[in-house]
Amino acid sequence: MRKVLLSIPPALSTLLFCAHLLYVPLAAAAAPLGALILLAVKGAGATRLLALLHVLFACEWARAGGKIVMRRLETGGSIHPALEIMAGVTLFTILAAWCSLARHRD
C-alpha cells in the first residue's frame, strides 16, 4: 500500500509537466509520459532515472518561473501569484523525486 501511495506524487508531477509542454510539438509533450512506465519497473536503475527526471523537471519549472517573474517585473505587474505558483510546482516536483527514491527502499 505504501508503494502505491508513494507513486502518486511522481505520477501527478509527470502529468503536470506534460501539461506544461502543451505549447511545444506533440512529440515533446508526450515524451515525459514515458516516465510513467518507470513507475512499474522494479529496480534501482529505474528508480534513480525517474528521480533524475523529476529533478530535471524541477529545474525546468524553476527556469520557466524565473522567466515569468522577470516578464512581470518588466511590465510592472504583480510577481507574487506567479512566484508562489511556480515555486510550489517546483517544490512538488522535488517531493516527487524524493517519493520515487523512497518507493525503492521498501
Protein backbone atom coordinates (compact mmCIF):
# COMPACT_ATOMS: atom_id res chain seq x y z
CA MET A 1 0.00 0.00 0.00
CA ARG A 2 2.86 2.36 0.83
CA LYS A 3 4.43 1.91 -2.62
CA VAL A 4 1.13 2.85 -4.24
CA LEU A 5 0.85 5.99 -2.14
CA LEU A 6 4.46 6.93 -2.89
CA SER A 7 3.71 6.53 -6.61
CA ILE A 8 1.03 9.22 -6.64
CA PRO A 9 3.27 12.35 -6.45
CA PRO A 10 5.62 11.18 -9.25
CA ALA A 11 2.65 10.32 -11.48
CA LEU A 12 0.93 13.65 -10.84
CA SER A 13 4.17 15.55 -11.28
CA THR A 14 4.80 13.87 -14.63
CA LEU A 15 1.29 14.64 -15.87
CA LEU A 16 1.65 18.25 -14.72
CA PHE A 17 4.92 18.55 -16.61
CA CYS A 18 3.25 17.16 -19.75
CA ALA A 19 0.63 19.88 -19.40
CA HIS A 20 3.45 22.44 -19.15
CA LEU A 21 4.72 21.22 -22.53
CA LEU A 22 1.40 21.54 -24.36
CA TYR A 23 2.61 24.54 -26.36
CA VAL A 24 5.51 22.66 -27.93
CA PRO A 25 5.24 19.95 -30.63
CA LEU A 26 3.20 16.93 -29.58
CA ALA A 27 6.16 14.54 -29.57
CA ALA A 28 7.96 16.66 -26.98
CA ALA A 29 4.84 16.92 -24.83
CA ALA A 30 4.24 13.18 -24.94
CA ALA A 31 7.86 12.20 -24.22
CA PRO A 32 7.63 12.66 -20.43
CA LEU A 33 4.73 10.19 -20.40
CA GLY A 34 7.39 7.52 -20.87
CA ALA A 35 8.50 8.32 -17.34
CA LEU A 36 5.23 6.83 -16.09
CA ILE A 37 6.41 3.43 -17.33
CA LEU A 38 9.33 3.70 -14.91
CA LEU A 39 6.85 3.58 -12.03
CA ALA A 40 6.04 -0.01 -12.98
CA VAL A 41 9.64 -1.13 -13.49
CA LYS A 42 11.36 -2.68 -10.49
CA GLY A 43 14.99 -1.98 -9.75
CA ALA A 44 17.29 0.72 -8.53
CA GLY A 45 18.19 1.92 -12.03
CA ALA A 46 14.62 2.77 -12.98
CA THR A 47 14.05 4.43 -9.62
CA ARG A 48 17.13 6.61 -9.94
CA LEU A 49 16.28 7.51 -13.53
CA LEU A 50 12.78 8.56 -12.50
CA ALA A 51 14.19 10.66 -9.65
CA LEU A 52 16.70 12.27 -12.02
CA LEU A 53 13.94 13.08 -14.50
CA HIS A 54 11.96 14.77 -11.74
CA VAL A 55 14.99 16.83 -10.72
CA LEU A 56 15.30 17.92 -14.37
CA PHE A 57 11.57 18.70 -14.45
CA ALA A 58 12.05 20.83 -11.31
CA CYS A 59 14.90 22.72 -12.99
CA GLU A 60 12.62 23.48 -15.96
CA TRP A 61 9.86 24.68 -13.61
CA ALA A 62 12.36 26.99 -11.88
CA ARG A 63 13.61 28.31 -15.23
CA ALA A 64 10.08 28.93 -16.51
CA GLY A 65 9.12 30.57 -13.22
CA GLY A 66 12.10 32.88 -13.43
CA LYS A 67 11.13 33.92 -16.96
CA ILE A 68 7.54 34.62 -15.91
CA VAL A 69 8.61 36.64 -12.88
CA MET A 70 11.09 38.68 -14.94
CA ARG A 71 8.41 39.37 -17.56
CA ARG A 72 6.03 40.53 -14.84
CA LEU A 73 8.72 42.79 -13.36
CA GLU A 74 9.34 44.34 -16.78
CA THR A 75 5.65 45.06 -17.31
CA GLY A 76 5.09 46.32 -13.77
CA GLY A 77 2.70 43.53 -12.81
CA SER A 78 2.49 41.69 -9.53
CA ILE A 79 5.05 38.91 -9.26
CA HIS A 80 3.54 37.19 -6.21
CA PRO A 81 0.98 34.89 -7.88
CA ALA A 82 3.49 33.67 -10.47
CA LEU A 83 6.27 33.32 -7.95
CA GLU A 84 4.15 31.38 -5.48
CA ILE A 85 2.62 29.04 -8.06
CA MET A 86 5.88 28.26 -9.81
CA ALA A 87 7.76 27.78 -6.53
CA GLY A 88 5.01 25.44 -5.34
CA VAL A 89 5.15 23.39 -8.53
CA THR A 90 8.95 23.22 -8.32
CA LEU A 91 8.84 22.03 -4.71
CA PHE A 92 6.13 19.48 -5.53
CA THR A 93 8.31 18.09 -8.31
CA ILE A 94 11.25 17.80 -5.90
CA LEU A 95 8.93 15.97 -3.49
CA ALA A 96 8.04 13.61 -6.36
CA ALA A 97 11.73 12.85 -6.87
CA TRP A 98 12.07 12.06 -3.17
CA CYS A 99 8.98 9.82 -3.30
CA SER A 100 10.49 7.96 -6.25
CA LEU A 101 13.58 7.17 -4.22
CA ALA A 102 11.56 6.29 -1.11
CA ARG A 103 9.48 3.79 -3.11
CA HIS A 104 12.60 1.76 -3.87
CA ARG A 105 13.63 1.44 -0.22
CA ASP A 106 10.58 -0.68 0.60
